[in-house]
Structures are given as C-alpha cells and as structure tokens.
Amino acid sequence: MSVIRRREFVALLGGAAMAWPLAARAQQAAVPVIGFLDAASAAGRTEFMAGFRQGLAEAGYVEGHNVGIEYRWAEGDYDRLPALATDLVRRRVNVIVTPGTTAAALAAKAATTTIPIAFGVGGDPVSLGLVASLNRPGGNATGVNFFNIELQAKRMQVLRDLVPAAKRVALLVNPTDRSNESTLRDVETAAIGQQILTFEASTGREIDAAFATLAHEKVDALFVAGSAFFATRRVQLTVLAASYSVPAIYSQRSFVDAGGLMSYGTNFTDIFRQVGLYTARILKGANPADLPVQQPTKFDLVINLNTARALRLAVPPSLLARADEVIE
C-alpha cells in the first residue's frame, strides 16, 4: 500500500470513528420524551405507574429503550404544579402526561397550547376547559375522565349501607382541589337524613387537627374526598381513623391496602394504563384533537374485614356480595 493510500485509509478510519458517536447521539436524540406531571409522589403512585408503563408497552414503547420519561412530582403541593409544567414545556418534551389529578392537567394546559397532553381527570373535561367536547376534544389535550365527582353519591350510599345508623358524617376535603366545591355539593345532595360536617386539610398537621375536631364533634362516619394529596397521606389517614374508631370510606383501594375500612371508585391502575395507551398513540402521530375522551366502565368496591372487625362493624352480607374484593 502506498503512503498516499495508507494516509487515505487512516483518514477514512478516523472519519468513521468520528461519525459513530455522532450517529449514536442522533439516534439518542430521536428517542421521544414523555413529560410526566403528577400532584402526588412517586412512592404513592408505584402501582398506578405499573399500569401506565403497561399501556405504553402494549403499544410498543419501553422506558429506557425507545422512549424516555421526565418525571415531575409535586409531592402533594399543588402550588408547585405550574412551575413543574412550565419546566417540562421548556425542555420541549414530545407529550405531557397528567394521569392522576385535575390540577396537574390544568397546569399543563395553562403552560402550553401546542405540546400534546394526555390527561386523567375526575371532573368534566369540558367544564374544566380542557376540551371542546368529549367526542371531539379539538385542542392539544385528551385522555380519560374517571368520574371521581360523579361517584360521590354512590360512595355515600355504600357508607350508608355499612353504617346505617350514622347521622353525623364528616366530609374531609382538600381546600386546594378545584373540585372541592362540587364535592361538597354532591355529598350533601346524596345525604339522606344525614348531617354533613365539612373539614378541610391540605397539610399533615391540618389532617391531625381535623381528626381531633371531628372526634370532639362525635361524628358517626367519615367520607374522605378524592385527592392526590390525601393519597400521599393515606397511612396517616387510615391510622387516625383507626385510632379514633371512625368508619371511613375512600376513593381508592390503596387506602384499604393501607388499613382503611373500604373504598369505592375507579380502578386507577387501569386508568393509568389507558392514559399510557393514549400517550403511545400520540407519540405515533395521532392528533389529540381527534381522540375522544375515554370513560371507564369498571368501578371497584373493596372492603377490609379486619378493619371492620376492629371497629366492631358487622358488614351486611348484601354488601359483601357486591364487593369486588374483600381483604381478610
């Protein structure tokens, strides 16, 4: 090989060596990135996140392989959501996902009108201004409506079936939730011959204070409103309910797993899975404006018999027969 050819060969190798890192970086840059925004904490969403990743996987996306996820957790502090949403917009993620809380969806919607949003909300997405209509969202957002507000009446009925003698029912709400006012209205409407006493809490100390007050008021039962903040405090809530011997109903089965008496509501693991599926469709080019808002058809009643026995409550056979799961 001549000197000139030898030099050309070395130059070719050098060029190839430089091209490989560039190609690798280009391939890495081509991997889509999901901006995940939630008002709760990572620890409080472990089970639900398994559902979200399952939805992505069903459509061919695996985190760390062909899709990246930027997580932003508000840890129960709703005031942080706007800044977290703005940060995701600044990072130019491909889609923002807010599967667990209305406040997160609203923060994302306020932060961008161009980046697609896949949400999960308990209130009416149309009334909230997230979509123009359920069938034709018409903007940059779509997702799942999990009927948290619409289930209030049914939840009150289940509580009444278990504790028929309850006349004074405490309602615990998070005042920072946008659905707070409608929750109070719906619960009061569903109360039949019952007095509703409302208590507010948005911090751990306020939860402690609320329980001390409701115990002083001698309430007969407790209705805990759905809230991402309450989900992060489910152990505190269930321990206090047991300490004060107050029968309580919650919106998610995770409370029952933590020792709570019972829950009635949407299967949130499946909600997160559905949001994962919609996220994948958007990543593949679907326009959120054309994807109808999904609505769940399955609702779970979960009862913890051990907690019922500790409270000296006899669960009616008819209620046990309706339960989707009984924990013993």
C-alpha atoms as a PDB file:
ATOM      1  CA  MET A   1       0.000   0.000   0.000  1.00  0.00           C
ATOM      2  CA  SER A   2       1.442   3.363  -0.984  1.00  0.00           C
ATOM      3  CA  VAL A   3       1.986   6.159   1.537  1.00  0.00           C
ATOM      4  CA  ILE A   4      -0.823   8.178  -0.028  1.00  0.00           C
ATOM      5  CA  ARG A   5      -3.258   5.272   0.098  1.00  0.00           C
ATOM      6  CA  ARG A   6      -2.174   4.496   3.629  1.00  0.00           C
ATOM      7  CA  ARG A   7      -2.967   8.073   4.636  1.00  0.00           C
ATOM      8  CA  GLU A   8      -6.344   7.899   2.880  1.00  0.00           C
ATOM      9  CA  PHE A   9      -7.155   4.682   4.742  1.00  0.00           C
ATOM     10  CA  VAL A  10      -6.235   6.200   8.123  1.00  0.00           C
ATOM     11  CA  ALA A  11      -8.279   9.284   7.313  1.00  0.00           C
ATOM     12  CA  LEU A  12     -11.237   7.079   6.403  1.00  0.00           C
ATOM     13  CA  LEU A  13     -10.991   5.226   9.706  1.00  0.00           C
ATOM     14  CA  GLY A  14     -10.728   8.493  11.595  1.00  0.00           C
ATOM     15  CA  GLY A  15     -13.790   9.843   9.834  1.00  0.00           C
ATOM     16  CA  ALA A  16     -15.750   6.695  10.608  1.00  0.00           C
ATOM     17  CA  ALA A  17     -14.670   6.852  14.253  1.00  0.00           C
ATOM     18  CA  MET A  18     -15.980  10.399  14.478  1.00  0.00           C
ATOM     19  CA  ALA A  19     -19.189   9.527  12.637  1.00  0.00           C
ATOM     20  CA  TRP A  20     -20.171   6.715  15.024  1.00  0.00           C
ATOM     21  CA  PRO A  21     -20.585   8.950  18.122  1.00  0.00           C
ATOM     22  CA  LEU A  22     -22.491  11.484  16.005  1.00  0.00           C
ATOM     23  CA  ALA A  23     -24.806   8.770  14.717  1.00  0.00           C
ATOM     24  CA  ALA A  24     -25.296   7.420  18.231  1.00  0.00           C
ATOM     25  CA  ARG A  25     -26.140  10.876  19.536  1.00  0.00           C
ATOM     26  CA  ALA A  26     -28.555  11.453  16.668  1.00  0.00           C
ATOM     27  CA  GLN A  27     -30.285   8.143  17.393  1.00  0.00           C
ATOM     28  CA  GLN A  28     -30.478   9.001  21.090  1.00  0.00           C
ATOM     29  CA  ALA A  29     -31.901  12.437  20.300  1.00  0.00           C
ATOM     30  CA  ALA A  30     -34.566  10.802  18.142  1.00  0.00           C
ATOM     31  CA  VAL A  31     -35.984   8.896  21.134  1.00  0.00           C
ATOM     32  CA  PRO A  32     -39.247  10.631  22.141  1.00  0.00           C
ATOM     33  CA  VAL A  33     -39.511  12.023  25.662  1.00  0.00           C
ATOM     34  CA  ILE A  34     -42.653  11.989  27.813  1.00  0.00           C
ATOM     35  CA  GLY A  35     -43.082  14.713  30.408  1.00  0.00           C
ATOM     36  CA  PHE A  36     -44.866  13.101  33.369  1.00  0.00           C
ATOM     37  CA  LEU A  37     -46.568  15.550  35.752  1.00  0.00           C
ATOM     38  CA  ASP A  38     -48.381  14.466  38.912  1.00  0.00           C
ATOM     39  CA  ALA A  39     -49.526  16.148  42.117  1.00  0.00           C
ATOM     40  CA  ALA A  40     -48.700  13.088  44.214  1.00  0.00           C
ATOM     41  CA  SER A  41     -45.371  11.370  44.955  1.00  0.00           C
ATOM     42  CA  ALA A  42     -43.513   8.605  43.161  1.00  0.00           C
ATOM     43  CA  ALA A  43     -43.914   6.326  46.191  1.00  0.00           C
ATOM     44  CA  GLY A  44     -47.665   6.907  46.225  1.00  0.00           C
ATOM     45  CA  ARG A  45     -48.057   6.019  42.557  1.00  0.00           C
ATOM     46  CA  THR A  46     -45.987   2.818  42.323  1.00  0.00           C
ATOM     47  CA  GLU A  47     -48.900   0.518  41.499  1.00  0.00           C
ATOM     48  CA  PHE A  48     -50.510   3.004  39.123  1.00  0.00           C
ATOM     49  CA  MET A  49     -47.230   3.625  37.290  1.00  0.00           C
ATOM     50  CA  ALA A  50     -47.061  -0.099  36.554  1.00  0.00           C
ATOM     51  CA  GLY A  51     -50.365   0.369  34.733  1.00  0.00           C
ATOM     52  CA  PHE A  52     -49.044   3.371  32.801  1.00  0.00           C
ATOM     53  CA  ARG A  53     -45.935   1.500  31.677  1.00  0.00           C
ATOM     54  CA  GLN A  54     -48.109  -1.475  30.732  1.00  0.00           C
ATOM     55  CA  GLY A  55     -50.168   0.775  28.461  1.00  0.00           C
ATOM     56  CA  LEU A  56     -47.014   2.075  26.808  1.00  0.00           C
ATOM     57  CA  ALA A  57     -45.649  -1.468  26.421  1.00  0.00           C
ATOM     58  CA  GLU A  58     -48.870  -2.705  24.810  1.00  0.00           C
ATOM     59  CA  ALA A  59     -48.231  -0.127  22.093  1.00  0.00           C
ATOM     60  CA  GLY A  60     -44.544  -0.992  21.755  1.00  0.00           C
ATOM     61  CA  TYR A  61     -42.884   1.618  23.990  1.00  0.00           C
ATOM     62  CA  VAL A  62     -40.475   0.641  26.773  1.00  0.00           C
ATOM     63  CA  GLU A  63     -38.973   3.256  29.079  1.00  0.00           C
ATOM     64  CA  GLY A  64     -35.216   3.498  28.675  1.00  0.00           C
ATOM     65  CA  HIS A  65     -35.300   1.622  25.379  1.00  0.00           C
ATOM     66  CA  ASN A  66     -37.294   3.568  22.813  1.00  0.00           C
ATOM     67  CA  VAL A  67     -38.893   6.259  24.970  1.00  0.00           C
ATOM     68  CA  GLY A  68     -37.684   8.479  27.802  1.00  0.00           C
ATOM     69  CA  ILE A  69     -39.715   9.871  30.693  1.00  0.00           C
ATOM     70  CA  GLU A  70     -39.043  13.121  32.568  1.00  0.00           C
ATOM     71  CA  TYR A  71     -40.812  12.893  35.960  1.00  0.00           C
ATOM     72  CA  ARG A  72     -42.108  15.884  37.889  1.00  0.00           C
ATOM     73  CA  TRP A  73     -43.756  15.106  41.245  1.00  0.00           C
ATOM     74  CA  ALA A  74     -45.423  17.869  43.283  1.00  0.00           C
ATOM     75  CA  GLU A  75     -45.384  15.712  46.447  1.00  0.00           C
ATOM     76  CA  GLY A  76     -48.884  16.877  47.385  1.00  0.00           C
ATOM     77  CA  ASP A  77     -48.005  20.585  46.997  1.00  0.00           C
ATOM     78  CA  TYR A  78     -50.387  21.791  44.288  1.00  0.00           C
ATOM     79  CA  ASP A  79     -48.759  25.221  44.181  1.00  0.00           C
ATOM     80  CA  ARG A  80     -45.682  23.651  42.563  1.00  0.00           C
ATOM     81  CA  LEU A  81     -47.583  22.307  39.546  1.00  0.00           C
ATOM     82  CA  PRO A  82     -47.477  25.431  37.311  1.00  0.00           C
ATOM     83  CA  ALA A  83     -43.686  25.726  37.633  1.00  0.00           C
ATOM     84  CA  LEU A  84     -43.200  21.997  37.040  1.00  0.00           C
ATOM     85  CA  ALA A  85     -45.405  22.149  33.942  1.00  0.00           C
ATOM     86  CA  THR A  86     -43.506  25.163  32.626  1.00  0.00           C
ATOM     87  CA  ASP A  87     -40.235  23.302  33.129  1.00  0.00           C
ATOM     88  CA  LEU A  88     -41.465  20.399  31.001  1.00  0.00           C
ATOM     89  CA  VAL A  89     -42.535  22.816  28.266  1.00  0.00           C
ATOM     90  CA  ARG A  90     -39.110  24.458  28.384  1.00  0.00           C
ATOM     91  CA  ARG A  91     -37.497  21.047  27.927  1.00  0.00           C
ATOM     92  CA  ARG A  92     -39.615  20.538  24.791  1.00  0.00           C
ATOM     93  CA  VAL A  93     -40.934  17.097  25.669  1.00  0.00           C
ATOM     94  CA  ASN A  94     -42.992  15.340  22.994  1.00  0.00           C
ATOM     95  CA  VAL A  95     -46.088  14.927  25.166  1.00  0.00           C
ATOM     96  CA  ILE A  96     -47.098  15.896  28.705  1.00  0.00           C
ATOM     97  CA  VAL A  97     -48.918  13.222  30.707  1.00  0.00           C
ATOM     98  CA  THR A  98     -51.097  14.021  33.741  1.00  0.00           C
ATOM     99  CA  PRO A  99     -52.998  10.797  34.512  1.00  0.00           C
ATOM    100  CA  GLY A 100     -53.828  11.284  38.169  1.00  0.00           C
ATOM    101  CA  THR A 101     -55.042  14.777  39.032  1.00  0.00           C
ATOM    102  CA  THR A 102     -57.173  17.541  37.569  1.00  0.00           C
ATOM    103  CA  ALA A 103     -54.851  20.225  38.966  1.00  0.00           C
ATOM    104  CA  ALA A 104     -51.908  18.761  37.044  1.00  0.00           C
ATOM    105  CA  ALA A 105     -53.918  18.671  33.801  1.00  0.00           C
ATOM    106  CA  LEU A 106     -54.977  22.289  34.244  1.00  0.00           C
ATOM    107  CA  ALA A 107     -51.378  23.343  34.958  1.00  0.00           C
ATOM    108  CA  ALA A 108     -50.200  21.609  31.790  1.00  0.00           C
ATOM    109  CA  LYS A 109     -52.998  23.153  29.729  1.00  0.00           C
ATOM    110  CA  ALA A 110     -52.116  26.620  31.044  1.00  0.00           C
ATOM    111  CA  ALA A 111     -48.445  26.070  30.229  1.00  0.00           C
ATOM    112  CA  THR A 112     -48.841  25.074  26.561  1.00  0.00           C
ATOM    113  CA  THR A 113     -51.318  25.107  23.712  1.00  0.00           C
ATOM    114  CA  THR A 114     -49.034  23.231  21.331  1.00  0.00           C
ATOM    115  CA  ILE A 115     -47.456  20.280  23.136  1.00  0.00           C
ATOM    116  CA  PRO A 116     -49.941  17.347  23.250  1.00  0.00           C
ATOM    117  CA  ILE A 117     -51.382  16.487  26.670  1.00  0.00           C
ATOM    118  CA  ALA A 118     -52.746  13.097  27.781  1.00  0.00           C
ATOM    119  CA  PHE A 119     -54.749  13.533  30.991  1.00  0.00           C
ATOM    120  CA  GLY A 120     -56.740  11.648  33.583  1.00  0.00           C
ATOM    121  CA  VAL A 121     -59.276  13.857  35.417  1.00  0.00           C
ATOM    122  CA  GLY A 122     -62.156  13.285  37.788  1.00  0.00           C
ATOM    123  CA  GLY A 123     -64.215  16.307  36.776  1.00  0.00           C
ATOM    124  CA  ASP A 124     -65.902  17.117  33.480  1.00  0.00           C
ATOM    125  CA  PRO A 125     -63.105  17.943  30.979  1.00  0.00           C
ATOM    126  CA  VAL A 126     -65.448  20.228  29.048  1.00  0.00           C
ATOM    127  CA  SER A 127     -66.450  22.299  32.099  1.00  0.00           C
ATOM    128  CA  LEU A 128     -62.794  22.438  33.128  1.00  0.00           C
ATOM    129  CA  GLY A 129     -61.859  23.913  29.761  1.00  0.00           C
ATOM    130  CA  LEU A 130     -59.554  21.054  28.820  1.00  0.00           C
ATOM    131  CA  VAL A 131     -61.523  20.002  25.726  1.00  0.00           C
ATOM    132  CA  ALA A 132     -64.256  21.426  23.496  1.00  0.00           C
ATOM    133  CA  SER A 133     -66.269  18.198  23.660  1.00  0.00           C
ATOM    134  CA  LEU A 134     -65.760  14.595  24.752  1.00  0.00           C
ATOM    135  CA  ASN A 135     -66.030  13.188  21.224  1.00  0.00           C
ATOM    136  CA  ARG A 136     -64.004  15.937  19.520  1.00  0.00           C
ATOM    137  CA  PRO A 137     -61.566  17.475  22.021  1.00  0.00           C
ATOM    138  CA  GLY A 138     -60.471  19.989  19.392  1.00  0.00           C
ATOM    139  CA  GLY A 139     -57.267  21.173  21.062  1.00  0.00           C
ATOM    140  CA  ASN A 140     -53.960  19.792  22.291  1.00  0.00           C
ATOM    141  CA  ALA A 141     -55.415  17.699  25.137  1.00  0.00           C
ATOM    142  CA  THR A 142     -57.363  14.460  25.516  1.00  0.00           C
ATOM    143  CA  GLY A 143     -57.397  11.485  27.867  1.00  0.00           C
ATOM    144  CA  VAL A 144     -59.621   9.758  30.402  1.00  0.00           C
ATOM    145  CA  ASN A 145     -62.436  11.067  32.596  1.00  0.00           C
ATOM    146  CA  PHE A 146     -62.594   8.810  35.658  1.00  0.00           C
ATOM    147  CA  PHE A 147     -65.842  10.120  37.176  1.00  0.00           C
ATOM    148  CA  ASN A 148     -64.446  10.953  40.609  1.00  0.00           C
ATOM    149  CA  ILE A 149     -67.110  13.602  41.169  1.00  0.00           C
ATOM    150  CA  GLU A 150     -69.976  11.559  39.722  1.00  0.00           C
ATOM    151  CA  LEU A 151     -69.148   8.690  42.109  1.00  0.00           C
ATOM    152  CA  GLN A 152     -69.700  10.746  45.259  1.00  0.00           C
ATOM    153  CA  ALA A 153     -73.360   9.769  45.553  1.00  0.00           C
ATOM    154  CA  LYS A 154     -72.602   6.081  45.107  1.00  0.00           C
ATOM    155  CA  ARG A 155     -69.831   6.290  47.689  1.00  0.00           C
ATOM    156  CA  MET A 156     -72.238   7.876  50.163  1.00  0.00           C
ATOM    157  CA  GLN A 157     -74.727   5.062  49.541  1.00  0.00           C
ATOM    158  CA  VAL A 158     -72.087   2.416  50.273  1.00  0.00           C
ATOM    159  CA  LEU A 159     -71.135   4.189  53.510  1.00  0.00           C
ATOM    160  CA  ARG A 160     -74.821   4.345  54.490  1.00  0.00           C
ATOM    161  CA  ASP A 161     -75.236   0.612  53.765  1.00  0.00           C
ATOM    162  CA  LEU A 162     -72.351  -0.231  56.091  1.00  0.00           C
ATOM    163  CA  VAL A 163     -73.199   2.260  58.844  1.00  0.00           C
ATOM    164  CA  PRO A 164     -76.990   2.778  58.536  1.00  0.00           C
ATOM    165  CA  ALA A 165     -77.224   4.405  61.957  1.00  0.00           C
ATOM    166  CA  ALA A 166     -74.741   7.163  61.051  1.00  0.00           C
ATOM    167  CA  LYS A 167     -76.486  10.532  61.341  1.00  0.00           C
ATOM    168  CA  ARG A 168     -73.446  12.845  61.542  1.00  0.00           C
ATOM    169  CA  VAL A 169     -70.993  12.287  58.705  1.00  0.00           C
ATOM    170  CA  ALA A 170     -67.683  14.133  58.468  1.00  0.00           C
ATOM    171  CA  LEU A 171     -66.527  15.140  54.985  1.00  0.00           C
ATOM    172  CA  LEU A 172     -62.770  15.664  54.688  1.00  0.00           C
ATOM    173  CA  VAL A 173     -61.711  17.739  51.666  1.00  0.00           C
ATOM    174  CA  ASN A 174     -58.527  19.317  50.419  1.00  0.00           C
ATOM    175  CA  PRO A 175     -59.311  23.060  50.004  1.00  0.00           C
ATOM    176  CA  THR A 176     -56.668  23.399  47.267  1.00  0.00           C
ATOM    177  CA  ASP A 177     -58.544  20.965  44.997  1.00  0.00           C
ATOM    178  CA  ARG A 178     -60.542  22.653  42.271  1.00  0.00           C
ATOM    179  CA  SER A 179     -63.323  20.067  42.667  1.00  0.00           C
ATOM    180  CA  ASN A 180     -63.749  20.929  46.357  1.00  0.00           C
ATOM    181  CA  GLU A 181     -66.949  22.938  45.906  1.00  0.00           C
ATOM    182  CA  SER A 182     -68.650  20.362  43.671  1.00  0.00           C
ATOM    183  CA  THR A 183     -67.644  17.549  46.040  1.00  0.00           C
ATOM    184  CA  LEU A 184     -69.354  19.288  48.949  1.00  0.00           C
ATOM    185  CA  ARG A 185     -72.468  19.891  46.858  1.00  0.00           C
ATOM    186  CA  ASP A 186     -72.648  16.306  45.600  1.00  0.00           C
ATOM    187  CA  VAL A 187     -72.129  14.747  49.039  1.00  0.00           C
ATOM    188  CA  GLU A 188     -74.746  16.973  50.654  1.00  0.00           C
ATOM    189  CA  THR A 189     -77.187  16.100  47.874  1.00  0.00           C
ATOM    190  CA  ALA A 190     -76.535  12.385  48.399  1.00  0.00           C
ATOM    191  CA  ALA A 191     -77.023  12.613  52.171  1.00  0.00           C
ATOM    192  CA  ILE A 192     -80.385  11.148  53.166  1.00  0.00           C
ATOM    193  CA  GLY A 193     -81.320  12.036  56.715  1.00  0.00           C
ATOM    194  CA  GLN A 194     -77.663  12.744  57.496  1.00  0.00           C
ATOM    195  CA  GLN A 195     -75.896  15.873  58.649  1.00  0.00           C
ATOM    196  CA  ILE A 196     -72.663  16.632  56.764  1.00  0.00           C
ATOM    197  CA  LEU A 197     -69.878  18.348  58.706  1.00  0.00           C
ATOM    198  CA  THR A 198     -67.078  19.595  56.465  1.00  0.00           C
ATOM    199  CA  PHE A 199     -63.426  19.605  57.489  1.00  0.00           C
ATOM    200  CA  GLU A 200     -60.534  20.922  55.414  1.00  0.00           C
ATOM    201  CA  ALA A 201     -56.912  19.792  55.361  1.00  0.00           C
ATOM    202  CA  SER A 202     -54.029  20.478  52.976  1.00  0.00           C
ATOM    203  CA  THR A 203     -51.106  19.593  55.278  1.00  0.00           C
ATOM    204  CA  GLY A 204     -50.250  16.738  57.625  1.00  0.00           C
ATOM    205  CA  ARG A 205     -50.829  18.945  60.672  1.00  0.00           C
ATOM    206  CA  GLU A 206     -54.217  20.018  59.372  1.00  0.00           C
ATOM    207  CA  ILE A 207     -55.194  16.358  58.975  1.00  0.00           C
ATOM    208  CA  ASP A 208     -54.279  15.741  62.622  1.00  0.00           C
ATOM    209  CA  ALA A 209     -56.276  18.785  63.690  1.00  0.00           C
ATOM    210  CA  ALA A 210     -59.277  17.769  61.580  1.00  0.00           C
ATOM    211  CA  PHE A 211     -59.440  14.333  63.217  1.00  0.00           C
ATOM    212  CA  ALA A 212     -59.177  15.817  66.693  1.00  0.00           C
ATOM    213  CA  THR A 213     -62.074  18.141  65.891  1.00  0.00           C
ATOM    214  CA  LEU A 214     -64.300  15.548  64.237  1.00  0.00           C
ATOM    215  CA  ALA A 215     -63.757  13.268  67.236  1.00  0.00           C
ATOM    216  CA  HIS A 216     -64.808  16.132  69.508  1.00  0.00           C
ATOM    217  CA  GLU A 217     -67.896  16.601  67.305  1.00  0.00           C
ATOM    218  CA  LYS A 218     -68.670  12.891  67.780  1.00  0.00           C
ATOM    219  CA  VAL A 219     -69.262  12.098  64.126  1.00  0.00           C
ATOM    220  CA  ASP A 220     -70.548   8.640  63.242  1.00  0.00           C
ATOM    221  CA  ALA A 221     -68.649   8.140  59.974  1.00  0.00           C
ATOM    222  CA  LEU A 222     -66.109   9.778  57.678  1.00  0.00           C
ATOM    223  CA  PHE A 223     -66.165  10.445  53.933  1.00  0.00           C
ATOM    224  CA  VAL A 224     -62.666  11.207  52.589  1.00  0.00           C
ATOM    225  CA  ALA A 225     -62.863  13.091  49.274  1.00  0.00           C
ATOM    226  CA  GLY A 226     -60.648  12.041  46.396  1.00  0.00           C
ATOM    227  CA  SER A 227     -57.369  13.991  46.424  1.00  0.00           C
ATOM    228  CA  ALA A 228     -53.822  13.350  45.239  1.00  0.00           C
ATOM    229  CA  PHE A 229     -52.617  14.945  48.475  1.00  0.00           C
ATOM    230  CA  PHE A 230     -54.711  12.571  50.573  1.00  0.00           C
ATOM    231  CA  ALA A 231     -53.244   9.677  48.570  1.00  0.00           C
ATOM    232  CA  THR A 232     -49.776  10.721  49.719  1.00  0.00           C
ATOM    233  CA  ARG A 233     -51.105  10.735  53.307  1.00  0.00           C
ATOM    234  CA  ARG A 234     -53.135   7.536  53.176  1.00  0.00           C
ATOM    235  CA  VAL A 235     -51.203   5.847  56.009  1.00  0.00           C
ATOM    236  CA  GLN A 236     -51.710   8.859  58.258  1.00  0.00           C
ATOM    237  CA  LEU A 237     -55.410   8.985  57.410  1.00  0.00           C
ATOM    238  CA  THR A 238     -56.093   5.287  57.944  1.00  0.00           C
ATOM    239  CA  VAL A 239     -54.119   5.202  61.206  1.00  0.00           C
ATOM    240  CA  LEU A 240     -56.028   8.199  62.557  1.00  0.00           C
ATOM    241  CA  ALA A 241     -59.374   6.703  61.502  1.00  0.00           C
ATOM    242  CA  ALA A 242     -58.473   3.533  63.413  1.00  0.00           C
ATOM    243  CA  SER A 243     -57.217   5.495  66.437  1.00  0.00           C
ATOM    244  CA  TYR A 244     -60.428   7.475  66.676  1.00  0.00           C
ATOM    245  CA  SER A 245     -62.588   4.440  65.770  1.00  0.00           C
ATOM    246  CA  VAL A 246     -64.252   6.256  62.869  1.00  0.00           C
ATOM    247  CA  PRO A 247     -65.667   4.174  59.983  1.00  0.00           C
ATOM    248  CA  ALA A 248     -64.339   5.797  56.789  1.00  0.00           C
ATOM    249  CA  ILE A 249     -64.758   5.384  53.060  1.00  0.00           C
ATOM    250  CA  TYR A 250     -62.120   6.401  50.495  1.00  0.00           C
ATOM    251  CA  SER A 251     -61.938   6.860  46.733  1.00  0.00           C
ATOM    252  CA  GLN A 252     -59.026   4.469  46.059  1.00  0.00           C
ATOM    253  CA  ARG A 253     -58.253   0.888  47.082  1.00  0.00           C
ATOM    254  CA  SER A 254     -54.707   1.931  48.078  1.00  0.00           C
ATOM    255  CA  PHE A 255     -56.264   3.331  51.263  1.00  0.00           C
ATOM    256  CA  VAL A 256     -57.789  -0.065  52.022  1.00  0.00           C
ATOM    257  CA  ASP A 257     -54.436  -1.739  51.372  1.00  0.00           C
ATOM    258  CA  ALA A 258     -53.027   0.662  53.980  1.00  0.00           C
ATOM    259  CA  GLY A 259     -55.607  -0.496  56.534  1.00  0.00           C
ATOM    260  CA  GLY A 260     -58.590   1.650  55.614  1.00  0.00           C
ATOM    261  CA  LEU A 261     -62.112   0.285  56.009  1.00  0.00           C
ATOM    262  CA  MET A 262     -63.396   0.438  52.430  1.00  0.00           C
ATOM    263  CA  SER A 263     -63.190   2.223  49.102  1.00  0.00           C
ATOM    264  CA  TYR A 264     -65.402   2.649  46.084  1.00  0.00           C
ATOM    265  CA  GLY A 265     -64.186   4.148  42.855  1.00  0.00           C
ATOM    266  CA  THR A 266     -62.452   3.776  39.552  1.00  0.00           C
ATOM    267  CA  ASN A 267     -59.662   1.264  39.102  1.00  0.00           C
ATOM    268  CA  PHE A 268     -56.795   3.754  38.915  1.00  0.00           C
ATOM    269  CA  THR A 269     -54.243   1.237  37.707  1.00  0.00           C
ATOM    270  CA  ASP A 270     -56.405   0.705  34.639  1.00  0.00           C
ATOM    271  CA  ILE A 271     -56.913   4.479  34.236  1.00  0.00           C
ATOM    272  CA  PHE A 272     -53.143   4.945  34.121  1.00  0.00           C
ATOM    273  CA  ARG A 273     -52.920   2.081  31.608  1.00  0.00           C
ATOM    274  CA  GLN A 274     -55.480   3.779  29.360  1.00  0.00           C
ATOM    275  CA  VAL A 275     -53.577   7.061  29.575  1.00  0.00           C
ATOM    276  CA  GLY A 276     -50.429   5.121  28.663  1.00  0.00           C
ATOM    277  CA  LEU A 277     -52.168   3.762  25.563  1.00  0.00           C
ATOM    278  CA  TYR A 278     -53.286   7.258  24.518  1.00  0.00           C
ATOM    279  CA  THR A 279     -49.787   8.592  25.129  1.00  0.00           C
ATOM    280  CA  ALA A 280     -48.411   5.941  22.768  1.00  0.00           C
ATOM    281  CA  ARG A 281     -50.956   6.833  20.094  1.00  0.00           C
ATOM    282  CA  ILE A 282     -49.946  10.486  20.324  1.00  0.00           C
ATOM    283  CA  LEU A 283     -46.258   9.570  20.085  1.00  0.00           C
ATOM    284  CA  LYS A 284     -47.091   7.646  16.909  1.00  0.00           C
ATOM    285  CA  GLY A 285     -48.620  10.748  15.354  1.00  0.00           C
ATOM    286  CA  ALA A 286     -52.273  10.792  16.470  1.00  0.00           C
ATOM    287  CA  ASN A 287     -53.736  14.270  16.969  1.00  0.00           C
ATOM    288  CA  PRO A 288     -55.232  14.799  20.477  1.00  0.00           C
ATOM    289  CA  ALA A 289     -57.933  16.945  18.860  1.00  0.00           C
ATOM    290  CA  ASP A 290     -59.289  13.823  17.156  1.00  0.00           C
ATOM    291  CA  LEU A 291     -59.009  11.329  20.041  1.00  0.00           C
ATOM    292  CA  PRO A 292     -62.271  11.093  22.023  1.00  0.00           C
ATOM    293  CA  VAL A 293     -62.061  11.360  25.809  1.00  0.00           C
ATOM    294  CA  GLN A 294     -62.349   7.850  27.246  1.00  0.00           C
ATOM    295  CA  GLN A 295     -64.613   6.958  30.173  1.00  0.00           C
ATOM    296  CA  PRO A 296     -64.174   3.918  32.447  1.00  0.00           C
ATOM    297  CA  THR A 297     -66.860   1.282  32.810  1.00  0.00           C
ATOM    298  CA  LYS A 298     -65.482  -0.633  35.810  1.00  0.00           C
ATOM    299  CA  PHE A 299     -65.694   0.574  39.419  1.00  0.00           C
ATOM    300  CA  ASP A 300     -64.338  -1.363  42.383  1.00  0.00           C
ATOM    301  CA  LEU A 301     -65.758  -1.820  45.881  1.00  0.00           C
ATOM    302  CA  VAL A 302     -63.051  -3.038  48.261  1.00  0.00           C
ATOM    303  CA  ILE A 303     -63.705  -3.897  51.925  1.00  0.00           C
ATOM    304  CA  ASN A 304     -61.172  -4.618  54.667  1.00  0.00           C
ATOM    305  CA  LEU A 305     -62.835  -7.119  57.014  1.00  0.00           C
ATOM    306  CA  ASN A 306     -60.004  -6.914  59.540  1.00  0.00           C
ATOM    307  CA  THR A 307     -60.614  -3.193  59.939  1.00  0.00           C
ATOM    308  CA  ALA A 308     -64.374  -3.761  60.152  1.00  0.00           C
ATOM    309  CA  ARG A 309     -63.859  -6.255  62.989  1.00  0.00           C
ATOM    310  CA  ALA A 310     -61.540  -3.834  64.807  1.00  0.00           C
ATOM    311  CA  LEU A 311     -64.301  -1.214  64.561  1.00  0.00           C
ATOM    312  CA  ARG A 312     -66.865  -3.810  65.683  1.00  0.00           C
ATOM    313  CA  LEU A 313     -68.835  -3.378  62.492  1.00  0.00           C
ATOM    314  CA  ALA A 314     -70.871  -6.214  61.042  1.00  0.00           C
ATOM    315  CA  VAL A 315     -70.639  -5.976  57.258  1.00  0.00           C
ATOM    316  CA  PRO A 316     -74.035  -6.862  55.733  1.00  0.00           C
ATOM    317  CA  PRO A 317     -73.934  -9.987  53.531  1.00  0.00           C
ATOM    318  CA  SER A 318     -75.510  -7.972  50.704  1.00  0.00           C
ATOM    319  CA  LEU A 319     -72.583  -5.539  50.782  1.00  0.00           C
ATOM    320  CA  LEU A 320     -70.042  -8.368  50.876  1.00  0.00           C
ATOM    321  CA  ALA A 321     -71.717  -9.927  47.863  1.00  0.00           C
ATOM    322  CA  ARG A 322     -71.325  -6.666  45.919  1.00  0.00           C
ATOM    323  CA  ALA A 323     -67.661  -6.243  46.843  1.00  0.00           C
ATOM    324  CA  ASP A 324     -65.084  -6.768  44.098  1.00  0.00           C
ATOM    325  CA  GLU A 325     -62.510  -7.666  46.714  1.00  0.00           C
ATOM    326  CA  VAL A 326     -62.612  -8.463  50.415  1.00  0.00           C
ATOM    327  CA  ILE A 327     -59.382  -8.209  52.430  1.00  0.00           C
ATOM    328  CA  GLU A 328     -59.111 -10.523  55.445  1.00  0.00           C
END
